[in-house]
Amino acid sequence: MAVQIFKEEEHQRLFDKQGFIVLPFLTEAEVRLLDSFFDEVHPQLDKKGFFSGSYSSDYSYKKKASDAIVDVFTPHYERLFVNYTPFGAAFLCKAPGQNSALAAHQDWTIVDEEKALALNCWVPLCDITPENGPIMILPGSQFSNSKTLRAPTLPFFFSGNEDVIHSQLEPMLVKAGTAVILNQSVVHYSPDNTTDKIRKAITAGVKSSGAQMVFHYKLPQKDELEVFEEDDDFLIRFDDFFEDIGQRPKNGVSKGFIPFTFSCYGRDELIHVIADMKAKAGYTVNPFPMSTGNESKAKKSVLKKITHLLGLNYAKYSKKY
């Protein structure tokens, strides 16, 4: 079921087709304002690699940054969206050098995607080039074309075959202040920043008005997910982000359990699925990487990591893959 969230019919059509849309967003003055605010709230920035404000353990910092960003973004939300609710924002920092890449992933399922939408508005505060770590998107990989649940304790539908994903990504080489608006389910990636300057950007969330925020937790040793209803600001409520996201939530209200079976595409099937996604989105399918014969070993390594994380029996699942 298509859910309307854009005012303009053409924007909605393109978003539904591609899973994302690129639109003019901030003014030059607003870019300068937010760039200065970034410096204000990061007076001694010594981060290396990639850093999101949501990783911080300082709730007051996260709340201050989120409120200020949403305040600037709201007139533009009003211009573009209908029946929507913002659910926070954070600064993103990609420092120069190696280890600043962000792995190919999908954002978590945080609303009932059969009935509602959740969007990620990614807005850079500098012009994006191939060298400073552009966001790269797999067109057509939205929920309507791949109905998978996503959570930090779950694998992705492409796990173990990231090279296949990388071959089909499209870089968003946009100007400062432009919004790349993604469906939360769209596969995206960001390579290293190989320049000598920090790449600053913002991620901000918008969802269908009235949509309940949710979070899924995989129960160890069980083929079940526990479903939690969460407050709209739960994404900035983690005390220790990387520790907390792998644990049963401290906040929220448990609404019970749903069955879940781990599944993963084989390489050949995944290639067919991704080619179909890109074609539906109106994009040319690039040549896929040749098989090296090492994929099975790599797949087993990834599968071991995933099954360990999920508390599953590797021997049982390795027979399937």
Protein backbone atom coordinates (compact mmCIF):
# COMPACT_ATOMS: atom_id res chain seq x y z
CA MET A 1 0.00 0.00 0.00
CA ALA A 2 1.45 3.37 -1.04
CA VAL A 3 1.47 5.89 1.81
CA GLN A 4 1.37 9.59 0.94
CA ILE A 5 3.78 11.92 2.72
CA PHE A 6 4.86 14.35 -0.03
CA LYS A 7 2.65 17.27 -1.05
CA GLU A 8 3.70 17.16 -4.69
CA GLU A 9 2.37 14.20 -6.64
CA GLU A 10 5.55 13.96 -8.74
CA HIS A 11 7.73 13.89 -5.62
CA GLN A 12 5.65 11.06 -4.20
CA ARG A 13 5.73 9.12 -7.46
CA LEU A 14 9.50 9.35 -7.78
CA PHE A 15 10.04 8.51 -4.11
CA ASP A 16 7.81 5.43 -4.39
CA LYS A 17 9.64 4.31 -7.53
CA GLN A 18 13.23 4.87 -6.39
CA GLY A 19 12.99 4.62 -2.62
CA PHE A 20 14.56 8.09 -2.36
CA ILE A 21 14.40 11.56 -3.85
CA VAL A 22 16.87 14.46 -4.06
CA LEU A 23 15.40 17.93 -3.48
CA PRO A 24 16.58 21.50 -2.77
CA PHE A 25 16.25 22.05 0.96
CA LEU A 26 18.27 24.55 3.03
CA THR A 27 19.19 28.09 2.06
CA GLU A 28 22.84 29.17 1.98
CA ALA A 29 22.26 31.17 5.17
CA GLU A 30 20.79 28.10 6.92
CA VAL A 31 23.76 25.99 5.84
CA ARG A 32 26.12 28.56 7.37
CA LEU A 33 24.01 28.71 10.53
CA LEU A 34 24.04 24.95 11.04
CA ASP A 35 27.71 24.69 10.14
CA SER A 36 28.51 27.24 12.85
CA PHE A 37 26.23 25.43 15.29
CA PHE A 38 28.07 22.18 14.53
CA ASP A 39 31.33 23.88 15.58
CA GLU A 40 29.65 25.32 18.68
CA VAL A 41 28.48 21.95 20.00
CA HIS A 42 31.75 20.20 19.06
CA PRO A 43 34.32 22.65 20.47
CA GLN A 44 37.04 20.01 20.84
CA LEU A 45 36.21 17.61 18.07
CA ASP A 46 38.83 14.86 18.08
CA LYS A 47 36.81 12.12 16.45
CA LYS A 48 38.38 9.77 13.97
CA GLY A 49 36.57 7.84 11.29
CA PHE A 50 32.78 8.20 11.17
CA PHE A 51 30.76 9.63 14.04
CA SER A 52 27.04 10.23 14.50
CA GLY A 53 25.74 12.46 17.26
CA SER A 54 23.36 9.64 18.20
CA TYR A 55 26.39 7.62 19.37
CA SER A 56 27.04 10.11 22.18
CA SER A 57 26.20 9.21 25.78
CA ASP A 58 25.42 12.88 26.51
CA TYR A 59 21.63 13.18 26.27
CA SER A 60 21.66 16.96 26.80
CA TYR A 61 23.98 17.37 23.78
CA LYS A 62 21.82 15.08 21.64
CA LYS A 63 18.62 16.87 22.64
CA LYS A 64 20.10 20.34 22.07
CA ALA A 65 21.42 19.41 18.62
CA SER A 66 18.20 17.63 17.62
CA ASP A 67 15.92 20.48 18.68
CA ALA A 68 18.02 23.12 16.93
CA ILE A 69 18.22 21.18 13.68
CA VAL A 70 14.51 20.38 13.63
CA ASP A 71 13.74 24.05 14.28
CA VAL A 72 15.65 25.01 11.10
CA PHE A 73 14.26 22.09 9.10
CA THR A 74 10.58 22.56 10.02
CA PRO A 75 9.71 25.27 7.43
CA HIS A 76 11.10 22.97 4.75
CA TYR A 77 9.20 19.99 6.13
CA GLU A 78 6.06 22.13 5.90
CA ARG A 79 6.89 22.96 2.30
CA LEU A 80 7.42 19.33 1.25
CA PHE A 81 5.36 17.03 3.47
CA VAL A 82 1.80 16.31 4.55
CA ASN A 83 0.54 14.24 7.48
CA TYR A 84 4.03 13.98 8.96
CA THR A 85 5.81 14.11 12.33
CA PRO A 86 9.53 14.85 12.85
CA PHE A 87 11.28 12.46 15.22
CA GLY A 88 14.65 14.07 15.80
CA ALA A 89 17.96 14.79 14.12
CA ALA A 90 21.70 14.41 14.61
CA PHE A 91 24.98 15.67 13.18
CA LEU A 92 27.17 13.30 11.18
CA CYS A 93 30.93 13.71 10.99
CA LYS A 94 33.24 11.90 8.58
CA ALA A 95 36.83 12.69 9.48
CA PRO A 96 39.60 12.63 6.86
CA GLY A 97 41.48 9.40 6.35
CA GLN A 98 40.88 5.69 6.43
CA ASN A 99 38.30 3.97 8.61
CA SER A 100 35.68 6.64 7.95
CA ALA A 101 33.53 4.46 5.69
CA LEU A 102 30.05 3.49 6.83
CA ALA A 103 29.22 -0.10 5.84
CA ALA A 104 26.35 -0.92 3.51
CA HIS A 105 23.22 -1.17 5.64
CA GLN A 106 19.51 -0.43 6.01
CA ASP A 107 18.13 1.68 8.83
CA TRP A 108 16.03 -0.07 11.46
CA THR A 109 12.33 -0.79 11.07
CA ILE A 110 10.83 1.84 13.38
CA VAL A 111 7.20 2.00 12.16
CA ASP A 112 4.74 -0.51 10.73
CA GLU A 113 5.88 -0.19 7.11
CA GLU A 114 2.75 -1.86 5.76
CA LYS A 115 0.80 1.20 6.95
CA ALA A 116 3.25 4.07 7.42
CA LEU A 117 6.52 5.61 6.25
CA ALA A 118 9.70 6.61 8.04
CA LEU A 119 12.13 8.82 6.15
CA ASN A 120 15.77 9.77 6.65
CA CYS A 121 16.51 13.31 5.44
CA TRP A 122 20.27 13.36 4.81
CA VAL A 123 21.56 16.90 4.29
CA PRO A 124 25.27 17.72 3.83
CA LEU A 125 26.74 21.00 5.07
CA CYS A 126 29.37 21.00 2.30
CA ASP A 127 29.39 20.09 -1.37
CA ILE A 128 29.68 16.33 -1.79
CA THR A 129 32.34 14.89 -4.09
CA PRO A 130 33.51 11.34 -4.86
CA GLU A 131 36.45 11.98 -2.53
CA ASN A 132 34.80 13.21 0.68
CA GLY A 133 32.56 10.22 1.39
CA PRO A 134 29.27 10.58 -0.51
CA ILE A 135 26.18 8.72 0.58
CA MET A 136 25.62 5.95 -1.98
CA ILE A 137 22.21 4.35 -2.51
CA LEU A 138 20.83 1.15 -4.00
CA PRO A 139 17.80 2.41 -5.95
CA GLY A 140 14.69 0.29 -5.59
CA SER A 141 15.73 -1.44 -2.36
CA GLN A 142 12.85 0.01 -0.34
CA PHE A 143 10.44 -2.08 1.73
CA SER A 144 7.89 -2.46 -1.06
CA ASN A 145 10.50 -4.45 -3.04
CA SER A 146 12.10 -6.28 -0.12
CA LYS A 147 9.78 -6.80 2.84
CA THR A 148 12.29 -7.48 5.58
CA LEU A 149 12.34 -6.45 9.23
CA ARG A 150 15.48 -4.62 10.29
CA ALA A 151 17.06 -4.28 13.72
CA PRO A 152 20.59 -4.19 15.16
CA THR A 153 20.30 -7.87 16.18
CA LEU A 154 19.19 -9.02 12.71
CA PRO A 155 21.19 -9.68 9.52
CA PHE A 156 20.53 -7.87 6.24
CA PHE A 157 19.09 -9.66 3.23
CA PHE A 158 22.47 -9.23 1.51
CA SER A 159 24.76 -10.19 4.42
CA GLY A 160 27.86 -11.96 3.15
CA ASN A 161 27.56 -10.52 -0.36
CA GLU A 162 28.35 -6.86 0.21
CA ASP A 163 30.46 -6.73 -2.96
CA VAL A 164 27.31 -7.41 -4.99
CA ILE A 165 25.62 -4.46 -3.29
CA HIS A 166 28.62 -2.16 -3.81
CA SER A 167 28.61 -2.83 -7.54
CA GLN A 168 25.11 -1.32 -7.92
CA LEU A 169 25.28 1.73 -5.63
CA GLU A 170 24.64 5.24 -6.97
CA PRO A 171 26.59 8.18 -5.40
CA MET A 172 24.66 11.28 -4.38
CA LEU A 173 27.04 14.08 -5.45
CA VAL A 174 24.91 16.95 -4.20
CA LYS A 175 25.50 20.56 -3.17
CA ALA A 176 25.52 21.75 0.43
CA GLY A 177 21.98 22.10 1.78
CA THR A 178 20.43 19.62 -0.66
CA ALA A 179 18.26 16.90 0.91
CA VAL A 180 18.63 13.26 -0.04
CA ILE A 181 15.38 11.88 1.37
CA LEU A 182 15.51 8.10 1.80
CA ASN A 183 12.96 5.53 2.80
CA GLN A 184 14.44 4.07 6.03
CA SER A 185 14.54 0.64 4.34
CA VAL A 186 16.77 1.68 1.41
CA VAL A 187 20.27 0.17 1.31
CA HIS A 188 22.97 2.83 1.57
CA TYR A 189 26.71 3.12 2.14
CA SER A 190 29.38 5.79 2.48
CA PRO A 191 33.07 5.34 1.54
CA ASP A 192 36.10 6.86 3.25
CA ASN A 193 36.67 10.60 3.26
CA THR A 194 39.98 10.86 1.42
CA THR A 195 40.21 14.68 1.54
CA ASP A 196 41.92 16.74 4.26
CA LYS A 197 38.67 18.28 5.55
CA ILE A 198 35.88 17.00 7.80
CA ARG A 199 32.70 16.14 5.93
CA LYS A 200 29.76 17.46 7.95
CA ALA A 201 26.18 16.35 7.37
CA ILE A 202 22.86 15.96 9.13
CA THR A 203 20.45 13.08 9.43
CA ALA A 204 16.87 13.95 10.39
CA GLY A 205 13.83 11.73 10.71
CA VAL A 206 10.26 12.18 9.52
CA LYS A 207 7.44 9.66 9.83
CA SER A 208 3.79 9.41 8.95
CA SER A 209 1.71 11.38 11.42
CA GLY A 210 0.40 9.19 14.23
CA ALA A 211 2.64 6.23 13.37
CA GLN A 212 3.77 4.39 16.50
CA MET A 213 7.54 4.07 16.86
CA VAL A 214 8.69 0.47 17.31
CA PHE A 215 11.87 -1.51 17.92
CA HIS A 216 12.53 -5.22 17.37
CA TYR A 217 14.77 -7.39 19.53
CA LYS A 218 15.91 -10.89 18.53
CA LEU A 219 15.60 -13.35 21.40
CA PRO A 220 18.73 -15.50 21.78
CA GLN A 221 18.17 -19.17 20.91
CA LYS A 222 14.58 -18.51 19.80
CA ASP A 223 13.01 -17.89 16.39
CA GLU A 224 11.10 -14.92 17.79
CA LEU A 225 11.31 -11.15 17.91
CA GLU A 226 10.10 -9.12 20.85
CA VAL A 227 8.32 -5.96 19.67
CA PHE A 228 8.56 -2.76 21.70
CA GLU A 229 6.53 0.41 21.38
CA GLU A 230 8.85 3.38 21.82
CA ASP A 231 8.62 7.14 22.34
CA ASP A 232 9.37 9.33 19.32
CA ASP A 233 12.76 10.35 20.78
CA PHE A 234 13.99 6.85 21.60
CA LEU A 235 16.80 7.04 19.03
CA ILE A 236 18.65 9.59 21.18
CA ARG A 237 17.89 7.80 24.47
CA PHE A 238 20.67 5.19 24.33
CA ASP A 239 23.21 5.64 27.16
CA ASP A 240 25.89 3.47 25.50
CA PHE A 241 24.80 3.23 21.87
CA PHE A 242 26.87 0.27 20.67
CA GLU A 243 26.28 -1.72 23.84
CA ASP A 244 22.61 -0.90 24.26
CA ILE A 245 21.44 -1.63 20.71
CA GLY A 246 22.42 -5.28 21.08
CA GLN A 247 20.55 -5.72 24.35
CA ARG A 248 16.88 -6.02 25.26
CA PRO A 249 15.65 -2.39 25.37
CA LYS A 250 15.73 -0.58 28.70
CA ASN A 251 12.96 1.76 27.59
CA GLY A 252 9.70 1.23 25.75
CA VAL A 253 6.76 -1.10 26.31
CA SER A 254 6.91 -4.73 25.23
CA LYS A 255 3.93 -5.67 23.06
CA GLY A 256 4.77 -9.36 22.87
CA PHE A 257 6.45 -11.63 20.38
CA ILE A 258 6.27 -12.42 16.69
CA PRO A 259 7.83 -15.39 14.84
CA PHE A 260 11.05 -14.78 12.94
CA THR A 261 13.03 -17.11 10.70
CA PHE A 262 16.54 -16.20 9.62
CA SER A 263 16.86 -16.22 5.84
CA CYS A 264 19.50 -15.02 3.43
CA TYR A 265 19.69 -14.95 -0.37
CA GLY A 266 22.23 -17.08 -2.16
CA ARG A 267 24.61 -15.06 -4.32
CA ASP A 268 22.97 -15.85 -7.67
CA GLU A 269 19.49 -15.19 -6.31
CA LEU A 270 20.66 -11.92 -4.74
CA ILE A 271 22.09 -10.74 -8.07
CA HIS A 272 18.72 -11.38 -9.72
CA VAL A 273 16.84 -9.59 -6.91
CA ILE A 274 19.09 -6.52 -7.01
CA ALA A 275 18.96 -6.29 -10.80
CA ASP A 276 15.17 -6.33 -10.59
CA MET A 277 15.20 -3.61 -7.91
CA LYS A 278 17.35 -1.26 -9.98
CA ALA A 279 15.34 -1.89 -13.14
CA LYS A 280 12.07 -1.10 -11.32
CA ALA A 281 13.65 2.12 -10.03
CA GLY A 282 14.56 3.15 -13.59
CA TYR A 283 18.32 2.71 -13.21
CA THR A 284 20.81 0.90 -15.42
CA VAL A 285 22.15 -2.30 -13.90
CA ASN A 286 25.95 -2.26 -13.70
CA PRO A 287 28.07 -5.38 -14.33
CA PHE A 288 28.11 -7.58 -11.25
CA PRO A 289 31.42 -8.73 -9.75
CA MET A 290 32.69 -12.07 -10.99
CA SER A 291 32.56 -15.00 -8.63
CA THR A 292 36.02 -15.79 -7.24
CA GLY A 293 35.13 -19.09 -5.68
CA ASN A 294 35.82 -17.66 -2.22
CA GLU A 295 32.27 -16.48 -1.57
CA SER A 296 31.29 -19.69 0.19
CA LYS A 297 34.12 -19.32 2.71
CA ALA A 298 33.33 -15.63 3.21
CA LYS A 299 29.62 -16.41 3.54
CA LYS A 300 30.33 -19.00 6.24
CA SER A 301 32.45 -16.48 8.14
CA VAL A 302 29.69 -13.87 8.01
CA LEU A 303 27.07 -16.49 8.88
CA LYS A 304 29.03 -17.54 11.95
CA LYS A 305 29.18 -13.92 13.13
CA ILE A 306 25.46 -13.40 12.51
CA THR A 307 24.32 -16.63 14.16
CA HIS A 308 26.54 -15.90 17.16
CA LEU A 309 25.04 -12.41 17.46
CA LEU A 310 21.51 -13.75 17.20
CA GLY A 311 22.09 -16.68 19.53
CA LEU A 312 21.29 -19.16 16.77
CA ASN A 313 22.75 -22.60 16.08
CA TYR A 314 25.37 -22.21 13.33
CA ALA A 315 25.44 -25.93 12.48
CA LYS A 316 21.67 -25.90 11.90
CA TYR A 317 21.70 -22.83 9.63
CA SER A 318 24.93 -23.67 7.78
CA LYS A 319 23.17 -26.69 6.27
CA LYS A 320 20.74 -24.29 4.55
CA TYR A 321 23.43 -22.05 3.09
